């Protein structure tokens, strides 16, 4: 079950600017992606989190660790000004088994930190420039790239879940009126 985060603040209720709408949508998208990852991980056995189709591919565990680091670096540091403490290569090389509970707690905490940063973010700062991970970006670009990145890895986790579970994979949502939907 996804964490409950405060999706509205007093400024977003009254501010109808494009910037406020953008930040609100990013927060909603991030929460929806977390719900999909949670739905997938809940269906998998612990060993499935470490499975990789090829040695050069990432496991779901590595993708979750990577997402935690990326959220902190791009949103926590890049947008919110937190210290940049990311060790990106370590997230991909970590092969120590971690429990589903441990991984999901880390991911929920990373999403909650990003959500809190975005909830407090004044949208008029979106055009500001910032360097993150060696890339020059605006804050709008950093936020947009981060949410796209999170959604892209969410879809990879959904795909790996489907590979591992086959026909017993349960979908989070099936559109009404479609008998044999394959949606996520």
N, C-alpha and C. Protein backbone atom coordinates (compact mmCIF):
# COMPACT_ATOMS: atom_id res chain seq x y z
N UNK A 1 0.85 -1.17 0.00
CA UNK A 1 0.00 0.00 0.00
C UNK A 1 0.89 1.24 0.00
N UNK A 2 0.62 2.19 -0.88
CA UNK A 2 1.46 3.38 -0.95
C UNK A 2 1.31 4.25 0.29
N UNK A 3 2.35 5.00 0.55
CA UNK A 3 2.28 5.93 1.67
C UNK A 3 1.27 7.01 1.36
N UNK A 4 0.70 7.55 2.37
CA UNK A 4 -0.19 8.69 2.21
C UNK A 4 0.65 9.94 2.37
N UNK A 5 0.66 10.75 1.37
CA UNK A 5 1.39 12.00 1.45
C UNK A 5 0.40 13.14 1.29
N UNK A 6 0.76 14.26 1.81
CA UNK A 6 -0.09 15.44 1.69
C UNK A 6 0.03 15.97 0.27
N UNK A 7 -0.97 15.73 -0.54
CA UNK A 7 -0.93 16.10 -1.95
C UNK A 7 -1.35 17.54 -2.20
N UNK A 8 -1.83 18.22 -1.19
CA UNK A 8 -2.20 19.61 -1.39
C UNK A 8 -1.63 20.44 -0.27
N UNK A 9 -1.33 21.68 -0.59
CA UNK A 9 -0.98 22.63 0.45
C UNK A 9 -1.79 23.89 0.18
N UNK A 10 -1.78 24.80 1.10
CA UNK A 10 -2.67 25.96 0.96
C UNK A 10 -2.41 26.75 -0.32
N UNK A 11 -1.15 26.85 -0.76
CA UNK A 11 -0.88 27.61 -1.98
C UNK A 11 -1.40 26.89 -3.21
N UNK A 12 -1.35 25.55 -3.24
CA UNK A 12 -1.82 24.85 -4.43
C UNK A 12 -3.34 24.87 -4.54
N UNK A 13 -4.05 25.13 -3.44
CA UNK A 13 -5.50 25.20 -3.50
C UNK A 13 -5.96 26.50 -4.13
N UNK A 14 -5.18 27.55 -3.99
CA UNK A 14 -5.59 28.85 -4.50
C UNK A 14 -4.78 29.29 -5.71
N UNK A 15 -3.61 28.74 -5.91
CA UNK A 15 -2.75 29.14 -7.02
C UNK A 15 -3.13 28.32 -8.26
N UNK A 16 -3.58 28.99 -9.29
CA UNK A 16 -3.97 28.31 -10.52
C UNK A 16 -2.92 28.44 -11.61
N UNK A 17 -1.68 28.76 -11.24
CA UNK A 17 -0.62 28.93 -12.23
C UNK A 17 -0.23 27.60 -12.85
N UNK A 18 0.33 27.67 -14.01
CA UNK A 18 0.83 26.49 -14.70
C UNK A 18 1.89 25.81 -13.84
N UNK A 19 2.75 26.59 -13.20
CA UNK A 19 3.80 26.02 -12.35
C UNK A 19 3.23 25.21 -11.21
N UNK A 20 2.21 25.72 -10.55
CA UNK A 20 1.58 24.98 -9.45
C UNK A 20 0.91 23.71 -9.96
N UNK A 21 0.25 23.82 -11.11
CA UNK A 21 -0.39 22.64 -11.69
C UNK A 21 0.66 21.58 -12.05
N UNK A 22 1.79 22.03 -12.59
CA UNK A 22 2.87 21.11 -12.93
C UNK A 22 3.39 20.38 -11.70
N UNK A 23 3.71 21.11 -10.65
CA UNK A 23 4.23 20.49 -9.43
C UNK A 23 3.20 19.54 -8.83
N UNK A 24 1.94 19.92 -8.82
CA UNK A 24 0.88 19.06 -8.30
C UNK A 24 0.80 17.76 -9.12
N UNK A 25 0.86 17.87 -10.44
CA UNK A 25 0.78 16.69 -11.30
C UNK A 25 1.99 15.77 -11.09
N UNK A 26 3.16 16.35 -10.94
CA UNK A 26 4.36 15.53 -10.68
C UNK A 26 4.20 14.75 -9.38
N UNK A 27 3.68 15.39 -8.36
CA UNK A 27 3.48 14.71 -7.07
C UNK A 27 2.47 13.58 -7.21
N UNK A 28 1.41 13.81 -7.95
CA UNK A 28 0.41 12.76 -8.18
C UNK A 28 1.00 11.61 -8.99
N UNK A 29 1.78 11.92 -10.00
CA UNK A 29 2.40 10.90 -10.84
C UNK A 29 3.36 10.05 -10.02
N UNK A 30 4.14 10.70 -9.18
CA UNK A 30 5.09 9.99 -8.32
C UNK A 30 4.35 9.02 -7.39
N UNK A 31 3.26 9.48 -6.80
CA UNK A 31 2.47 8.62 -5.92
C UNK A 31 1.85 7.45 -6.65
N UNK A 32 1.38 7.68 -7.87
CA UNK A 32 0.82 6.60 -8.67
C UNK A 32 1.86 5.56 -9.05
N UNK A 33 3.06 6.02 -9.38
CA UNK A 33 4.14 5.10 -9.72
C UNK A 33 4.55 4.27 -8.50
N UNK A 34 4.60 4.90 -7.34
CA UNK A 34 4.90 4.15 -6.11
C UNK A 34 3.85 3.07 -5.88
N UNK A 35 2.60 3.38 -6.11
CA UNK A 35 1.53 2.39 -5.93
C UNK A 35 1.72 1.20 -6.87
N UNK A 36 2.15 1.45 -8.11
CA UNK A 36 2.39 0.35 -9.05
C UNK A 36 3.55 -0.52 -8.60
N UNK A 37 4.62 0.12 -8.15
CA UNK A 37 5.77 -0.66 -7.67
C UNK A 37 5.37 -1.49 -6.46
N UNK A 38 4.65 -0.89 -5.55
CA UNK A 38 4.19 -1.61 -4.35
C UNK A 38 3.34 -2.81 -4.75
N UNK A 39 2.42 -2.62 -5.68
CA UNK A 39 1.54 -3.69 -6.15
C UNK A 39 2.37 -4.85 -6.73
N UNK A 40 3.40 -4.52 -7.48
CA UNK A 40 4.27 -5.54 -8.06
C UNK A 40 5.06 -6.28 -6.98
N UNK A 41 5.74 -5.53 -6.13
CA UNK A 41 6.59 -6.13 -5.11
C UNK A 41 5.77 -7.01 -4.17
N UNK A 42 4.55 -6.60 -3.86
CA UNK A 42 3.69 -7.40 -2.98
C UNK A 42 3.40 -8.78 -3.57
N UNK A 43 3.44 -8.92 -4.88
CA UNK A 43 3.14 -10.20 -5.52
C UNK A 43 4.36 -11.12 -5.64
N UNK A 44 5.53 -10.58 -5.48
CA UNK A 44 6.76 -11.31 -5.75
C UNK A 44 7.34 -11.95 -4.50
N UNK A 45 8.05 -13.05 -4.69
CA UNK A 45 8.84 -13.66 -3.62
C UNK A 45 10.15 -12.87 -3.50
N UNK A 46 10.77 -12.97 -2.34
CA UNK A 46 12.02 -12.23 -2.10
C UNK A 46 13.08 -12.49 -3.14
N UNK A 47 13.23 -13.76 -3.56
CA UNK A 47 14.27 -14.07 -4.55
C UNK A 47 13.98 -13.45 -5.92
N UNK A 48 12.71 -13.17 -6.20
CA UNK A 48 12.37 -12.52 -7.47
C UNK A 48 12.92 -11.09 -7.54
N UNK A 49 13.11 -10.47 -6.39
CA UNK A 49 13.63 -9.10 -6.37
C UNK A 49 15.08 -9.03 -6.82
N UNK A 50 15.79 -10.15 -6.71
CA UNK A 50 17.20 -10.20 -7.12
C UNK A 50 17.40 -10.79 -8.51
N UNK A 51 16.33 -11.31 -9.11
CA UNK A 51 16.42 -11.95 -10.42
C UNK A 51 16.76 -10.93 -11.49
N UNK A 52 17.59 -11.37 -12.41
CA UNK A 52 17.92 -10.55 -13.58
C UNK A 52 18.00 -11.49 -14.77
N UNK A 53 17.40 -11.09 -15.87
CA UNK A 53 17.35 -11.95 -17.05
C UNK A 53 18.75 -12.23 -17.58
N UNK A 54 19.58 -11.23 -17.57
CA UNK A 54 20.97 -11.37 -17.99
C UNK A 54 21.84 -10.71 -16.92
N UNK A 55 23.05 -11.14 -16.80
CA UNK A 55 23.95 -10.61 -15.78
C UNK A 55 24.10 -9.09 -15.88
N UNK A 56 24.04 -8.57 -17.08
CA UNK A 56 24.22 -7.12 -17.27
C UNK A 56 22.94 -6.32 -16.97
N UNK A 57 21.83 -7.00 -16.73
CA UNK A 57 20.56 -6.30 -16.45
C UNK A 57 20.44 -6.00 -14.96
N UNK A 58 19.57 -5.06 -14.65
CA UNK A 58 19.32 -4.72 -13.25
C UNK A 58 18.20 -5.57 -12.68
N UNK A 59 18.33 -5.91 -11.42
CA UNK A 59 17.25 -6.59 -10.71
C UNK A 59 16.27 -5.52 -10.22
N UNK A 60 15.09 -5.97 -9.78
CA UNK A 60 14.13 -5.04 -9.20
C UNK A 60 14.76 -4.37 -7.98
N UNK A 61 15.48 -5.13 -7.18
CA UNK A 61 16.13 -4.53 -6.01
C UNK A 61 17.06 -3.41 -6.42
N UNK A 62 17.89 -3.63 -7.44
CA UNK A 62 18.80 -2.58 -7.89
C UNK A 62 18.05 -1.37 -8.43
N UNK A 63 16.94 -1.62 -9.12
CA UNK A 63 16.14 -0.49 -9.62
C UNK A 63 15.55 0.31 -8.47
N UNK A 64 15.09 -0.35 -7.42
CA UNK A 64 14.54 0.36 -6.27
C UNK A 64 15.63 1.18 -5.57
N UNK A 65 16.80 0.58 -5.36
CA UNK A 65 17.90 1.32 -4.75
C UNK A 65 18.30 2.51 -5.63
N UNK A 66 18.32 2.29 -6.92
CA UNK A 66 18.65 3.35 -7.88
C UNK A 66 17.62 4.48 -7.81
N UNK A 67 16.35 4.14 -7.76
CA UNK A 67 15.30 5.16 -7.67
C UNK A 67 15.42 5.99 -6.40
N UNK A 68 15.74 5.33 -5.29
CA UNK A 68 15.91 6.06 -4.02
C UNK A 68 17.03 7.09 -4.16
N UNK A 69 18.17 6.66 -4.70
CA UNK A 69 19.30 7.58 -4.87
C UNK A 69 18.99 8.69 -5.85
N UNK A 70 18.32 8.36 -6.93
CA UNK A 70 17.99 9.36 -7.94
C UNK A 70 17.03 10.40 -7.40
N UNK A 71 16.00 9.98 -6.66
CA UNK A 71 15.06 10.95 -6.08
C UNK A 71 15.78 11.90 -5.14
N UNK A 72 16.65 11.34 -4.30
CA UNK A 72 17.35 12.21 -3.36
C UNK A 72 18.25 13.19 -4.11
N UNK A 73 18.97 12.68 -5.12
CA UNK A 73 19.91 13.56 -5.81
C UNK A 73 19.20 14.63 -6.64
N UNK A 74 18.19 14.26 -7.39
CA UNK A 74 17.56 15.22 -8.30
C UNK A 74 16.52 16.10 -7.62
N UNK A 75 15.75 15.54 -6.68
CA UNK A 75 14.73 16.34 -6.01
C UNK A 75 15.25 16.87 -4.67
N UNK A 76 15.75 15.98 -3.82
CA UNK A 76 16.24 16.41 -2.51
C UNK A 76 17.37 17.41 -2.62
N UNK A 77 18.40 17.05 -3.38
CA UNK A 77 19.55 17.95 -3.57
C UNK A 77 19.27 19.00 -4.64
N UNK A 78 18.91 18.53 -5.83
CA UNK A 78 18.78 19.45 -6.97
C UNK A 78 17.73 20.52 -6.78
N UNK A 79 16.59 20.15 -6.23
CA UNK A 79 15.49 21.10 -6.05
C UNK A 79 15.47 21.65 -4.63
N UNK A 80 15.68 20.78 -3.65
CA UNK A 80 15.52 21.19 -2.26
C UNK A 80 16.78 21.65 -1.55
N UNK A 81 17.95 21.41 -2.13
CA UNK A 81 19.18 21.88 -1.51
C UNK A 81 19.76 20.97 -0.43
N UNK A 82 19.26 19.73 -0.31
CA UNK A 82 19.84 18.77 0.65
C UNK A 82 21.25 18.41 0.19
N UNK A 83 22.07 17.88 1.08
CA UNK A 83 23.41 17.45 0.66
C UNK A 83 23.34 16.37 -0.41
N UNK A 84 24.27 16.42 -1.35
CA UNK A 84 24.36 15.40 -2.41
C UNK A 84 25.25 14.27 -1.92
N UNK A 85 24.63 13.19 -1.48
CA UNK A 85 25.36 12.08 -0.86
C UNK A 85 25.30 10.81 -1.69
N UNK A 86 24.86 10.90 -2.91
CA UNK A 86 24.60 9.72 -3.73
C UNK A 86 25.88 9.03 -4.18
N UNK A 87 25.88 7.70 -4.07
CA UNK A 87 26.92 6.84 -4.62
C UNK A 87 26.23 5.98 -5.69
N UNK A 88 26.07 6.54 -6.87
CA UNK A 88 25.28 5.90 -7.93
C UNK A 88 25.77 4.49 -8.28
N UNK A 89 27.07 4.28 -8.51
CA UNK A 89 27.52 2.93 -8.87
C UNK A 89 27.21 1.88 -7.81
N UNK A 90 27.20 2.27 -6.54
CA UNK A 90 26.94 1.30 -5.47
C UNK A 90 25.53 0.73 -5.55
N UNK A 91 24.58 1.51 -6.03
CA UNK A 91 23.19 1.04 -6.11
C UNK A 91 23.04 -0.03 -7.18
N UNK A 92 23.85 0.04 -8.22
CA UNK A 92 23.77 -0.96 -9.29
C UNK A 92 24.56 -2.22 -8.97
N UNK A 93 25.59 -2.09 -8.16
CA UNK A 93 26.44 -3.25 -7.87
C UNK A 93 26.03 -3.99 -6.60
N UNK A 94 25.12 -3.45 -5.83
CA UNK A 94 24.70 -4.08 -4.57
C UNK A 94 23.92 -5.36 -4.86
N UNK A 95 24.46 -6.48 -4.42
CA UNK A 95 23.82 -7.78 -4.66
C UNK A 95 23.40 -8.45 -3.35
N UNK A 96 23.54 -7.73 -2.23
CA UNK A 96 23.13 -8.30 -0.94
C UNK A 96 21.61 -8.39 -0.89
N UNK A 97 21.07 -9.56 -0.59
CA UNK A 97 19.61 -9.67 -0.51
C UNK A 97 19.06 -8.75 0.59
N UNK A 98 18.02 -8.01 0.24
CA UNK A 98 17.33 -7.16 1.20
C UNK A 98 15.86 -7.57 1.18
N UNK A 99 15.23 -7.47 2.32
CA UNK A 99 13.83 -7.90 2.40
C UNK A 99 12.94 -6.94 1.63
N UNK A 100 11.79 -7.47 1.22
CA UNK A 100 10.80 -6.62 0.55
C UNK A 100 10.44 -5.45 1.45
N UNK A 101 10.26 -5.72 2.72
CA UNK A 101 9.88 -4.68 3.67
C UNK A 101 10.93 -3.58 3.73
N UNK A 102 12.18 -3.98 3.81
CA UNK A 102 13.30 -3.03 3.87
C UNK A 102 13.35 -2.16 2.60
N UNK A 103 13.25 -2.81 1.46
CA UNK A 103 13.30 -2.07 0.19
C UNK A 103 12.14 -1.10 0.05
N UNK A 104 10.95 -1.58 0.40
CA UNK A 104 9.78 -0.71 0.23
C UNK A 104 9.78 0.43 1.24
N UNK A 105 10.32 0.20 2.42
CA UNK A 105 10.45 1.30 3.39
C UNK A 105 11.39 2.36 2.84
N UNK A 106 12.52 1.92 2.27
CA UNK A 106 13.46 2.88 1.68
C UNK A 106 12.80 3.67 0.55
N UNK A 107 12.04 2.97 -0.30
CA UNK A 107 11.41 3.64 -1.42
C UNK A 107 10.32 4.61 -0.95
N UNK A 108 9.50 4.16 -0.01
CA UNK A 108 8.46 5.05 0.52
C UNK A 108 9.07 6.30 1.15
N UNK A 109 10.16 6.11 1.88
CA UNK A 109 10.83 7.26 2.50
C UNK A 109 11.40 8.21 1.46
N UNK A 110 11.97 7.66 0.39
CA UNK A 110 12.53 8.51 -0.68
C UNK A 110 11.42 9.29 -1.38
N UNK A 111 10.29 8.63 -1.65
CA UNK A 111 9.17 9.31 -2.30
C UNK A 111 8.59 10.36 -1.35
N UNK A 112 8.49 10.03 -0.07
CA UNK A 112 7.96 11.00 0.91
C UNK A 112 8.87 12.23 1.00
N UNK A 113 10.19 12.02 0.99
CA UNK A 113 11.13 13.15 1.03
C UNK A 113 10.96 14.02 -0.21
N UNK A 114 10.87 13.39 -1.37
CA UNK A 114 10.67 14.15 -2.60
C UNK A 114 9.34 14.89 -2.58
N UNK A 115 8.30 14.23 -2.08
CA UNK A 115 6.98 14.86 -2.02
C UNK A 115 6.98 16.06 -1.08
N UNK A 116 7.64 15.93 0.05
CA UNK A 116 7.73 17.06 0.99
C UNK A 116 8.50 18.23 0.36
N UNK A 117 9.57 17.91 -0.36
CA UNK A 117 10.34 18.96 -1.03
C UNK A 117 9.48 19.67 -2.07
N UNK A 118 8.75 18.89 -2.86
CA UNK A 118 7.91 19.48 -3.89
C UNK A 118 6.71 20.22 -3.30
N UNK A 119 6.17 19.74 -2.18
CA UNK A 119 5.03 20.42 -1.54
C UNK A 119 5.43 21.82 -1.08
N UNK A 120 6.68 21.97 -0.67
CA UNK A 120 7.16 23.27 -0.17
C UNK A 120 7.79 24.13 -1.27
N UNK A 121 7.89 23.59 -2.45
CA UNK A 121 8.59 24.26 -3.54
C UNK A 121 7.76 25.39 -4.13
N UNK A 122 8.31 26.61 -4.18
CA UNK A 122 7.59 27.72 -4.83
C UNK A 122 7.75 27.62 -6.36
N UNK A 123 6.65 27.43 -7.08
CA UNK A 123 6.73 27.23 -8.53
C UNK A 123 7.40 28.37 -9.30
N UNK A 124 7.47 29.55 -8.73
CA UNK A 124 8.14 30.64 -9.44
C UNK A 124 9.64 30.40 -9.58
N UNK A 125 10.17 29.39 -8.88
CA UNK A 125 11.59 29.04 -8.98
C UNK A 125 11.87 28.06 -10.13
N UNK A 126 10.84 27.57 -10.81
CA UNK A 126 11.03 26.57 -11.87
C UNK A 126 12.07 26.97 -12.93
N UNK A 127 12.18 28.24 -13.32
CA UNK A 127 13.17 28.60 -14.35
C UNK A 127 14.61 28.67 -13.84
N UNK A 128 14.84 28.61 -12.53
CA UNK A 128 16.20 28.71 -11.99
C UNK A 128 17.08 27.59 -12.53
N UNK A 129 18.35 27.92 -12.73
CA UNK A 129 19.32 26.94 -13.21
C UNK A 129 20.01 26.25 -12.05
N UNK A 130 20.34 25.00 -12.26
CA UNK A 130 20.99 24.18 -11.24
C UNK A 130 21.79 23.10 -11.95
N UNK A 131 22.92 22.72 -11.37
CA UNK A 131 23.69 21.61 -11.90
C UNK A 131 23.45 20.40 -11.00
N UNK A 132 23.00 19.31 -11.62
CA UNK A 132 22.74 18.07 -10.89
C UNK A 132 23.40 16.93 -11.65
N UNK A 133 24.17 16.13 -10.96
CA UNK A 133 24.85 14.96 -11.53
C UNK A 133 25.68 15.36 -12.76
N UNK A 134 26.21 16.58 -12.72
CA UNK A 134 27.04 17.06 -13.82
C UNK A 134 26.26 17.65 -14.99
N UNK A 135 24.94 17.67 -14.91
CA UNK A 135 24.11 18.22 -15.98
C UNK A 135 23.61 19.60 -15.59
N UNK A 136 23.64 20.53 -16.53
CA UNK A 136 23.03 21.84 -16.32
C UNK A 136 21.56 21.72 -16.64
N UNK A 137 20.72 22.20 -15.75
CA UNK A 137 19.28 22.08 -15.93
C UNK A 137 18.58 23.24 -15.25
N UNK A 138 17.35 23.45 -15.64
CA UNK A 138 16.49 24.32 -14.84
C UNK A 138 15.86 23.44 -13.77
N UNK A 139 15.27 24.03 -12.75
CA UNK A 139 14.58 23.23 -11.75
C UNK A 139 13.38 22.52 -12.37
N UNK A 140 12.71 23.16 -13.32
CA UNK A 140 11.63 22.50 -14.04
C UNK A 140 12.15 21.25 -14.73
N UNK A 141 13.28 21.37 -15.41
CA UNK A 141 13.88 20.23 -16.09
C UNK A 141 14.28 19.13 -15.13
N UNK A 142 14.85 19.50 -13.98
CA UNK A 142 15.26 18.51 -12.99
C UNK A 142 14.05 17.73 -12.47
N UNK A 143 12.96 18.44 -12.20
CA UNK A 143 11.75 17.78 -11.70
C UNK A 143 11.15 16.90 -12.79
N UNK A 144 11.05 17.42 -13.99
CA UNK A 144 10.48 16.66 -15.10
C UNK A 144 11.30 15.41 -15.40
N UNK A 145 12.62 15.56 -15.47
CA UNK A 145 13.48 14.41 -15.73
C UNK A 145 13.37 13.38 -14.61
N UNK A 146 13.26 13.83 -13.38
CA UNK A 146 13.17 12.90 -12.26
C UNK A 146 11.88 12.08 -12.31
N UNK A 147 10.76 12.74 -12.58
CA UNK A 147 9.49 11.99 -12.61
C UNK A 147 9.45 11.06 -13.81
N UNK A 148 9.97 11.48 -14.96
CA UNK A 148 10.03 10.59 -16.13
C UNK A 148 10.91 9.39 -15.83
N UNK A 149 12.02 9.63 -15.19
CA UNK A 149 12.94 8.57 -14.82
C UNK A 149 12.26 7.57 -13.88
N UNK A 150 11.53 8.07 -12.90
CA UNK A 150 10.84 7.21 -11.94
C UNK A 150 9.78 6.36 -12.65
N UNK A 151 9.02 6.97 -13.52
CA UNK A 151 7.97 6.24 -14.25
C UNK A 151 8.60 5.20 -15.18
N UNK A 152 9.68 5.54 -15.84
CA UNK A 152 10.36 4.60 -16.75
C UNK A 152 10.80 3.34 -15.99
N UNK A 153 11.40 3.51 -14.83
CA UNK A 153 11.82 2.34 -14.05
C UNK A 153 10.62 1.62 -13.45
N UNK A 154 9.55 2.34 -13.15
CA UNK A 154 8.32 1.68 -12.69
C UNK A 154 7.85 0.70 -13.74
N UNK A 155 7.85 1.10 -14.99
CA UNK A 155 7.40 0.22 -16.08
C UNK A 155 8.34 -0.97 -16.24
N UNK A 156 9.63 -0.77 -16.00
CA UNK A 156 10.55 -1.92 -16.03
C UNK A 156 10.21 -2.90 -14.92
N UNK A 157 9.90 -2.39 -13.74
CA UNK A 157 9.54 -3.26 -12.61
C UNK A 157 8.25 -4.02 -12.92
N UNK A 158 7.29 -3.35 -13.54
CA UNK A 158 6.04 -4.03 -13.95
C UNK A 158 6.38 -5.14 -14.94
N UNK A 159 7.23 -4.86 -15.90
CA UNK A 159 7.58 -5.87 -16.91
C UNK A 159 8.30 -7.06 -16.28
N UNK A 160 9.26 -6.81 -15.42
CA UNK A 160 9.98 -7.92 -14.77
C UNK A 160 9.01 -8.72 -13.91
N UNK A 161 8.08 -8.05 -13.24
CA UNK A 161 7.07 -8.76 -12.45
C UNK A 161 6.26 -9.69 -13.35
N UNK A 162 5.86 -9.20 -14.50
CA UNK A 162 5.10 -10.03 -15.43
C UNK A 162 5.94 -11.20 -15.93
N UNK A 163 7.22 -10.99 -16.18
CA UNK A 163 8.10 -12.08 -16.59
C UNK A 163 8.18 -13.15 -15.50
N UNK A 164 8.31 -12.73 -14.27
CA UNK A 164 8.48 -13.67 -13.15
C UNK A 164 7.19 -14.42 -12.85
N UNK A 165 6.05 -13.75 -12.94
CA UNK A 165 4.79 -14.35 -12.51
C UNK A 165 3.97 -14.97 -13.65
N UNK A 166 4.22 -14.56 -14.86
CA UNK A 166 3.45 -15.11 -15.98
C UNK A 166 1.96 -14.84 -15.83
N UNK A 167 1.17 -15.86 -16.07
CA UNK A 167 -0.28 -15.71 -16.07
C UNK A 167 -0.89 -15.44 -14.70
N UNK A 168 -0.15 -15.63 -13.63
CA UNK A 168 -0.73 -15.36 -12.30
C UNK A 168 -0.52 -13.91 -11.85
N UNK A 169 0.16 -13.13 -12.67
CA UNK A 169 0.35 -11.71 -12.35
C UNK A 169 -1.01 -11.02 -12.27
N UNK A 170 -1.23 -10.33 -11.17
CA UNK A 170 -2.48 -9.57 -11.00
C UNK A 170 -2.22 -8.12 -11.38
N UNK A 171 -3.08 -7.59 -12.18
CA UNK A 171 -2.95 -6.20 -12.60
C UNK A 171 -3.55 -5.30 -11.54
N UNK A 172 -2.97 -4.13 -11.40
CA UNK A 172 -3.45 -3.17 -10.42
C UNK A 172 -4.80 -2.59 -10.82
N UNK A 173 -5.01 -2.44 -12.11
CA UNK A 173 -6.22 -1.80 -12.60
C UNK A 173 -6.54 -2.36 -13.97
N UNK A 174 -7.80 -2.68 -14.21
CA UNK A 174 -8.25 -3.16 -15.52
C UNK A 174 -9.37 -2.23 -15.97
N UNK A 175 -9.24 -1.67 -17.17
CA UNK A 175 -10.28 -0.75 -17.65
C UNK A 175 -11.63 -1.46 -17.75
N UNK A 176 -12.68 -0.73 -17.46
CA UNK A 176 -14.03 -1.27 -17.58
C UNK A 176 -14.35 -1.56 -19.06
N UNK A 177 -15.07 -2.65 -19.29
CA UNK A 177 -15.53 -2.95 -20.64
C UNK A 177 -14.55 -3.68 -21.52
N UNK A 178 -13.39 -3.98 -20.98
CA UNK A 178 -12.39 -4.71 -21.76
C UNK A 178 -12.23 -6.08 -21.10
N UNK A 179 -12.57 -7.13 -21.82
CA UNK A 179 -12.59 -8.46 -21.24
C UNK A 179 -11.20 -8.98 -20.89
N UNK A 180 -10.23 -8.77 -21.75
CA UNK A 180 -8.89 -9.32 -21.53
C UNK A 180 -7.86 -8.20 -21.56
N UNK A 181 -7.98 -7.29 -20.65
CA UNK A 181 -7.09 -6.11 -20.62
C UNK A 181 -5.72 -6.48 -20.14
N UNK A 182 -4.76 -5.82 -20.69
CA UNK A 182 -3.38 -5.94 -20.21
C UNK A 182 -2.92 -4.54 -19.91
N UNK A 183 -3.29 -4.03 -18.73
CA UNK A 183 -2.93 -2.66 -18.40
C UNK A 183 -2.19 -2.61 -17.09
N UNK A 184 -1.53 -1.55 -16.91
CA UNK A 184 -0.89 -1.22 -15.64
C UNK A 184 -0.91 0.25 -15.53
